[in-house]
PDB file of N, CA and C in Angstrom:
ATOM      1  N   UNK A   1      99.848  76.861  62.862  1.00  0.00           N
ATOM      2  CA  UNK A   1      99.726  75.969  63.966  1.00  0.00           C
ATOM      3  C   UNK A   1      98.615  76.952  64.434  1.00  0.00           C
ATOM      4  N   UNK A   2      97.806  76.066  64.966  1.00  0.00           N
ATOM      5  CA  UNK A   2      96.416  77.127  65.649  1.00  0.00           C
ATOM      6  C   UNK A   2      95.891  76.569  66.781  1.00  0.00           C
ATOM      7  N   UNK A   3      96.355  77.703  67.467  1.00  0.00           N
ATOM      8  CA  UNK A   3      95.985  77.849  68.862  1.00  0.00           C
ATOM      9  C   UNK A   3      94.484  78.301  69.753  1.00  0.00           C
ATOM     10  N   UNK A   4      94.276  77.451  70.392  1.00  0.00           N
ATOM     11  CA  UNK A   4      93.067  77.676  70.691  1.00  0.00           C
ATOM     12  C   UNK A   4      93.336  77.734  72.531  1.00  0.00           C
ATOM     13  N   UNK A   5      92.616  79.355  73.143  1.00  0.00           N
ATOM     14  CA  UNK A   5      92.495  79.147  74.360  1.00  0.00           C
ATOM     15  C   UNK A   5      91.295  78.908  75.081  1.00  0.00           C
ATOM     16  N   UNK A   6      90.601  77.792  75.807  1.00  0.00           N
ATOM     17  CA  UNK A   6      89.506  77.949  76.706  1.00  0.00           C
ATOM     18  C   UNK A   6      89.978  78.348  78.063  1.00  0.00           C
ATOM     19  N   UNK A   7      88.691  78.434  79.018  1.00  0.00           N
ATOM     20  CA  UNK A   7      89.030  78.447  80.253  1.00  0.00           C
ATOM     21  C   UNK A   7      88.505  77.703  81.344  1.00  0.00           C
ATOM     22  N   UNK A   8      89.341  77.277  81.913  1.00  0.00           N
ATOM     23  CA  UNK A   8      89.401  75.834  82.806  1.00  0.00           C
ATOM     24  C   UNK A   8      87.521  76.470  83.426  1.00  0.00           C
ATOM     25  N   UNK A   9      86.685  75.385  83.551  1.00  0.00           N
ATOM     26  CA  UNK A   9      85.400  75.887  84.211  1.00  0.00           C
ATOM     27  C   UNK A   9      85.582  75.126  85.852  1.00  0.00           C
ATOM     28  N   UNK A  10      86.116  73.761  85.253  1.00  0.00           N
ATOM     29  CA  UNK A  10      85.828  72.878  86.560  1.00  0.00           C
ATOM     30  C   UNK A  10      87.617  72.224  87.135  1.00  0.00           C
ATOM     31  N   UNK A  11      87.707  72.173  88.545  1.00  0.00           N
ATOM     32  CA  UNK A  11      89.026  71.906  88.445  1.00  0.00           C
ATOM     33  C   UNK A  11      88.671  71.207  90.189  1.00  0.00           C
ATOM     34  N   UNK A  12      89.014  69.843  90.328  1.00  0.00           N
ATOM     35  CA  UNK A  12      89.250  69.230  91.490  1.00  0.00           C
ATOM     36  C   UNK A  12      90.674  68.816  92.133  1.00  0.00           C
ATOM     37  N   UNK A  13      90.815  69.376  93.132  1.00  0.00           N
ATOM     38  CA  UNK A  13      92.432  69.170  93.779  1.00  0.00           C
ATOM     39  C   UNK A  13      92.277  68.624  95.368  1.00  0.00           C
ATOM     40  N   UNK A  14      93.098  67.828  95.631  1.00  0.00           N
ATOM     41  CA  UNK A  14      93.324  66.664  96.557  1.00  0.00           C
ATOM     42  C   UNK A  14      94.719  67.204  97.316  1.00  0.00           C
ATOM     43  N   UNK A  15      94.448  67.496  98.635  1.00  0.00           N
ATOM     44  CA  UNK A  15      94.902  67.444  99.754  1.00  0.00           C
ATOM     45  C   UNK A  15      95.431  66.669 100.712  1.00  0.00           C
ATOM     46  N   UNK A  16      96.790  66.426 101.487  1.00  0.00           N
ATOM     47  CA  UNK A  16      96.689  65.518 102.185  1.00  0.00           C
ATOM     48  C   UNK A  16      97.706  66.433 103.191  1.00  0.00           C
ATOM     49  N   UNK A  17      97.886  65.909 104.737  1.00  0.00           N
ATOM     50  CA  UNK A  17      98.781  66.561 105.569  1.00  0.00           C
ATOM     51  C   UNK A  17      99.071  66.174 107.090  1.00  0.00           C
ATOM     52  N   UNK A  18      99.330  65.781 108.179  1.00  0.00           N
ATOM     53  CA  UNK A  18      99.836  65.210 109.257  1.00  0.00           C
ATOM     54  C   UNK A  18      99.177  66.158 110.146  1.00  0.00           C
ATOM     55  N   UNK A  19      98.997  67.614 109.699  1.00  0.00           N
ATOM     56  CA  UNK A  19      98.386  68.624 111.133  1.00  0.00           C
ATOM     57  C   UNK A  19      97.292  69.377 110.382  1.00  0.00           C
ATOM     58  N   UNK A  20      95.786  69.623 110.904  1.00  0.00           N
ATOM     59  CA  UNK A  20      94.723  70.039 110.387  1.00  0.00           C
ATOM     60  C   UNK A  20      95.461  71.317 109.962  1.00  0.00           C
ATOM     61  N   UNK A  21      95.852  71.810 110.696  1.00  0.00           N
ATOM     62  CA  UNK A  21      96.628  74.251 110.243  1.00  0.00           C
ATOM     63  C   UNK A  21      97.292  73.436 109.218  1.00  0.00           C
ATOM     64  N   UNK A  22      98.283  72.257 108.639  1.00  0.00           N
ATOM     65  CA  UNK A  22      98.757  72.505 107.623  1.00  0.00           C
ATOM     66  C   UNK A  22      98.258  72.321 106.384  1.00  0.00           C
ATOM     67  N   UNK A  23      97.134  71.379 106.699  1.00  0.00           N
ATOM     68  CA  UNK A  23      95.820  70.971 105.467  1.00  0.00           C
ATOM     69  C   UNK A  23      95.038  72.695 105.021  1.00  0.00           C
ATOM     70  N   UNK A  24      95.115  72.965 106.053  1.00  0.00           N
ATOM     71  CA  UNK A  24      94.105  74.772 105.969  1.00  0.00           C
ATOM     72  C   UNK A  24      95.070  75.186 105.246  1.00  0.00           C
ATOM     73  N   UNK A  25      96.497  75.253 105.347  1.00  0.00           N
ATOM     74  CA  UNK A  25      97.509  76.252 104.727  1.00  0.00           C
ATOM     75  C   UNK A  25      97.320  75.799 103.170  1.00  0.00           C
ATOM     76  N   UNK A  26      97.566  74.428 103.149  1.00  0.00           N
ATOM     77  CA  UNK A  26      97.557  74.315 101.974  1.00  0.00           C
ATOM     78  C   UNK A  26      96.957  74.453 101.047  1.00  0.00           C
ATOM     79  N   UNK A  27      95.224  74.900 101.550  1.00  0.00           N
ATOM     80  CA  UNK A  27      94.202  74.449 100.845  1.00  0.00           C
ATOM     81  C   UNK A  27      94.308  76.362 100.427  1.00  0.00           C
ATOM     82  N   UNK A  28      94.026  77.126 101.208  1.00  0.00           N
ATOM     83  CA  UNK A  28      94.360  78.907 102.020  1.00  0.00           C
ATOM     84  C   UNK A  28      95.304  79.045 100.431  1.00  0.00           C
ATOM     85  N   UNK A  29      96.517  78.315 100.001  1.00  0.00           N
ATOM     86  CA  UNK A  29      97.829  78.549  99.402  1.00  0.00           C
ATOM     87  C   UNK A  29      96.968  78.697  97.949  1.00  0.00           C
ATOM     88  N   UNK A  30      96.325  77.323  98.147  1.00  0.00           N
ATOM     89  CA  UNK A  30      95.568  77.301  96.656  1.00  0.00           C
ATOM     90  C   UNK A  30      94.290  78.078  96.155  1.00  0.00           C
ATOM     91  N   UNK A  31      93.547  77.795  97.010  1.00  0.00           N
ATOM     92  CA  UNK A  31      92.771  79.447  97.010  1.00  0.00           C
ATOM     93  C   UNK A  31      93.311  80.545  95.944  1.00  0.00           C
ATOM     94  N   UNK A  32      94.426  80.906  96.405  1.00  0.00           N
ATOM     95  CA  UNK A  32      95.191  82.662  95.979  1.00  0.00           C
ATOM     96  C   UNK A  32      95.473  81.579  94.599  1.00  0.00           C
ATOM     97  N   UNK A  33      96.008  80.828  94.788  1.00  0.00           N
ATOM     98  CA  UNK A  33      96.266  80.682  93.230  1.00  0.00           C
ATOM     99  C   UNK A  33      95.237  80.411  92.099  1.00  0.00           C
ATOM    100  N   UNK A  34      94.445  79.459  92.625  1.00  0.00           N
ATOM    101  CA  UNK A  34      93.240  79.657  91.390  1.00  0.00           C
ATOM    102  C   UNK A  34      92.271  80.872  91.937  1.00  0.00           C
ATOM    103  N   UNK A  35      92.432  81.467  92.313  1.00  0.00           N
ATOM    104  CA  UNK A  35      91.897  82.944  92.362  1.00  0.00           C
ATOM    105  C   UNK A  35      92.436  84.054  90.389  1.00  0.00           C
ATOM    106  N   UNK A  36      93.529  83.076  90.153  1.00  0.00           N
ATOM    107  CA  UNK A  36      94.182  84.591  89.084  1.00  0.00           C
ATOM    108  C   UNK A  36      93.474  83.304  87.972  1.00  0.00           C
ATOM    109  N   UNK A  37      92.877  82.329  88.048  1.00  0.00           N
ATOM    110  CA  UNK A  37      92.349  81.551  86.769  1.00  0.00           C
ATOM    111  C   UNK A  37      90.702  81.930  87.146  1.00  0.00           C
ATOM    112  N   UNK A  38      90.405  82.615  88.145  1.00  0.00           N
ATOM    113  CA  UNK A  38      89.106  82.657  88.301  1.00  0.00           C
ATOM    114  C   UNK A  38      88.286  81.859  88.609  1.00  0.00           C
ATOM    115  N   UNK A  39      88.850  80.720  89.394  1.00  0.00           N
ATOM    116  CA  UNK A  39      87.881  79.885  89.934  1.00  0.00           C
ATOM    117  C   UNK A  39      88.086  80.323  91.397  1.00  0.00           C
ATOM    118  N   UNK A  40      86.503  80.206  91.669  1.00  0.00           N
ATOM    119  CA  UNK A  40      86.228  79.886  92.716  1.00  0.00           C
ATOM    120  C   UNK A  40      86.256  78.384  93.988  1.00  0.00           C
ATOM    121  N   UNK A  41      85.963  78.442  94.941  1.00  0.00           N
ATOM    122  CA  UNK A  41      85.564  77.233  95.600  1.00  0.00           C
ATOM    123  C   UNK A  41      83.931  76.920  95.914  1.00  0.00           C
ATOM    124  N   UNK A  42      83.658  75.542  95.124  1.00  0.00           N
ATOM    125  CA  UNK A  42      82.363  75.408  94.983  1.00  0.00           C
ATOM    126  C   UNK A  42      82.360  74.737  96.530  1.00  0.00           C
ATOM    127  N   UNK A  43      83.362  73.653  96.263  1.00  0.00           N
ATOM    128  CA  UNK A  43      83.049  72.720  97.674  1.00  0.00           C
ATOM    129  C   UNK A  43      83.977  72.163  98.048  1.00  0.00           C
ATOM    130  N   UNK A  44      83.340  71.781  99.427  1.00  0.00           N
ATOM    131  CA  UNK A  44      84.622  71.162 100.142  1.00  0.00           C
ATOM    132  C   UNK A  44      83.998  70.203 100.896  1.00  0.00           C
ATOM    133  N   UNK A  45      85.262  69.165 100.723  1.00  0.00           N
ATOM    134  CA  UNK A  45      84.858  67.667 101.282  1.00  0.00           C
ATOM    135  C   UNK A  45      86.441  67.360 102.357  1.00  0.00           C
ATOM    136  N   UNK A  46      85.844  66.664 103.330  1.00  0.00           N
ATOM    137  CA  UNK A  46      87.450  66.593 104.283  1.00  0.00           C
ATOM    138  C   UNK A  46      86.862  65.401 105.366  1.00  0.00           C
ATOM    139  N   UNK A  47      88.312  64.543 105.238  1.00  0.00           N
ATOM    140  CA  UNK A  47      88.188  63.454 106.122  1.00  0.00           C
ATOM    141  C   UNK A  47      89.362  63.683 107.147  1.00  0.00           C
ATOM    142  N   UNK A  48      89.269  62.611 108.343  1.00  0.00           N
ATOM    143  CA  UNK A  48      90.345  62.379 108.880  1.00  0.00           C
ATOM    144  C   UNK A  48      90.243  61.121 109.393  1.00  0.00           C
ATOM    145  N   UNK A  49      91.319  60.668 109.289  1.00  0.00           N
ATOM    146  CA  UNK A  49      91.942  58.995 109.517  1.00  0.00           C
ATOM    147  C   UNK A  49      92.654  58.933 110.560  1.00  0.00           C
ATOM    148  N   UNK A  50      93.589  58.207 110.912  1.00  0.00           N
ATOM    149  CA  UNK A  50      93.886  57.611 111.719  1.00  0.00           C
ATOM    150  C   UNK A  50      94.990  56.361 111.264  1.00  0.00           C
ATOM    151  N   UNK A  51      96.589  56.601 111.146  1.00  0.00           N
ATOM    152  CA  UNK A  51      96.910  55.494 110.943  1.00  0.00           C
ATOM    153  C   UNK A  51      97.363  54.580 111.295  1.00  0.00           C
ATOM    154  N   UNK A  52      98.440  53.829 111.116  1.00  0.00           N
ATOM    155  CA  UNK A  52      98.687  52.351 112.016  1.00  0.00           C
ATOM    156  C   UNK A  52      99.634  52.830 113.676  1.00  0.00           C
ATOM    157  N   UNK A  53     100.220  54.331 113.592  1.00  0.00           N
ATOM    158  CA  UNK A  53     100.241  54.417 114.853  1.00  0.00           C
ATOM    159  C   UNK A  53      99.552  55.486 115.822  1.00  0.00           C
ATOM    160  N   UNK A  54      97.958  55.290 115.072  1.00  0.00           N
ATOM    161  CA  UNK A  54      97.142  56.074 115.989  1.00  0.00           C
ATOM    162  C   UNK A  54      97.277  57.717 115.996  1.00  0.00           C
ATOM    163  N   UNK A  55      98.484  58.033 115.018  1.00  0.00           N
ATOM    164  CA  UNK A  55      98.471  59.485 114.634  1.00  0.00           C
ATOM    165  C   UNK A  55      96.822  60.087 114.053  1.00  0.00           C
ATOM    166  N   UNK A  56      96.715  61.121 113.812  1.00  0.00           N
ATOM    167  CA  UNK A  56      95.702  61.599 112.632  1.00  0.00           C
ATOM    168  C   UNK A  56      96.113  62.221 111.458  1.00  0.00           C
ATOM    169  N   UNK A  57      96.232  61.652 110.255  1.00  0.00           N
ATOM    170  CA  UNK A  57      95.586  61.438 108.906  1.00  0.00           C
ATOM    171  C   UNK A  57      94.703  62.281 108.266  1.00  0.00           C
ATOM    172  N   UNK A  58      94.981  63.957 107.756  1.00  0.00           N
ATOM    173  CA  UNK A  58      94.051  64.702 106.999  1.00  0.00           C
ATOM    174  C   UNK A  58      93.891  64.739 105.900  1.00  0.00           C
ATOM    175  N   UNK A  59      92.842  64.702 104.952  1.00  0.00           N
ATOM    176  CA  UNK A  59      92.416  64.603 103.870  1.00  0.00           C
ATOM    177  C   UNK A  59      91.504  65.238 103.450  1.00  0.00           C
ATOM    178  N   UNK A  60      91.300  66.291 102.355  1.00  0.00           N
ATOM    179  CA  UNK A  60      90.468  67.121 101.556  1.00  0.00           C
ATOM    180  C   UNK A  60      90.413  67.229 100.165  1.00  0.00           C
ATOM    181  N   UNK A  61      89.297  67.223  99.780  1.00  0.00           N
ATOM    182  CA  UNK A  61      89.075  67.112  98.148  1.00  0.00           C
ATOM    183  C   UNK A  61      88.341  68.928  98.123  1.00  0.00           C
ATOM    184  N   UNK A  62      88.665  69.548  97.197  1.00  0.00           N
ATOM    185  CA  UNK A  62      88.087  70.553  97.160  1.00  0.00           C
ATOM    186  C   UNK A  62      87.821  71.260  95.777  1.00  0.00           C
ATOM    187  N   UNK A  63      86.913  70.790  95.619  1.00  0.00           N
ATOM    188  CA  UNK A  63      86.096  71.572  94.270  1.00  0.00           C
ATOM    189  C   UNK A  63      86.454  72.870  93.309  1.00  0.00           C
ATOM    190  N   UNK A  64      86.425  73.158  92.657  1.00  0.00           N
ATOM    191  CA  UNK A  64      86.810  74.822  92.445  1.00  0.00           C
ATOM    192  C   UNK A  64      86.031  75.067  90.893  1.00  0.00           C
ATOM    193  N   UNK A  65      85.014  76.018  90.728  1.00  0.00           N
ATOM    194  CA  UNK A  65      84.107  76.143  89.258  1.00  0.00           C
ATOM    195  C   UNK A  65      84.577  77.657  88.831  1.00  0.00           C
ATOM    196  N   UNK A  66      84.445  77.963  87.662  1.00  0.00           N
ATOM    197  CA  UNK A  66      84.060  79.271  87.336  1.00  0.00           C
ATOM    198  C   UNK A  66      83.809  80.208  87.665  1.00  0.00           C
ATOM    199  N   UNK A  67      84.178  81.282  88.608  1.00  0.00           N
ATOM    200  CA  UNK A  67      83.407  82.813  88.837  1.00  0.00           C
ATOM    201  C   UNK A  67      82.526  83.097  87.531  1.00  0.00           C
ATOM    202  N   UNK A  68      81.087  83.239  87.563  1.00  0.00           N
ATOM    203  CA  UNK A  68      80.461  83.775  86.845  1.00  0.00           C
ATOM    204  C   UNK A  68      79.943  85.329  86.827  1.00  0.00           C
TER     205      UNK A  68
END
């Protein structure tokens, strides 16, 4: 049995929430998790949409990259 370990160099994660502070909390928690994998935030993209009831709905995409 041959086991190979490779470093994760890129990771993209998607987040969604009904409130902006909840979205920020989710992202910050995942940043801490990814620090253990030696991944740092490379870029963040976010959007706000209104649902059918007129309430805001927040989404974000965070691109993590290996810290060098």
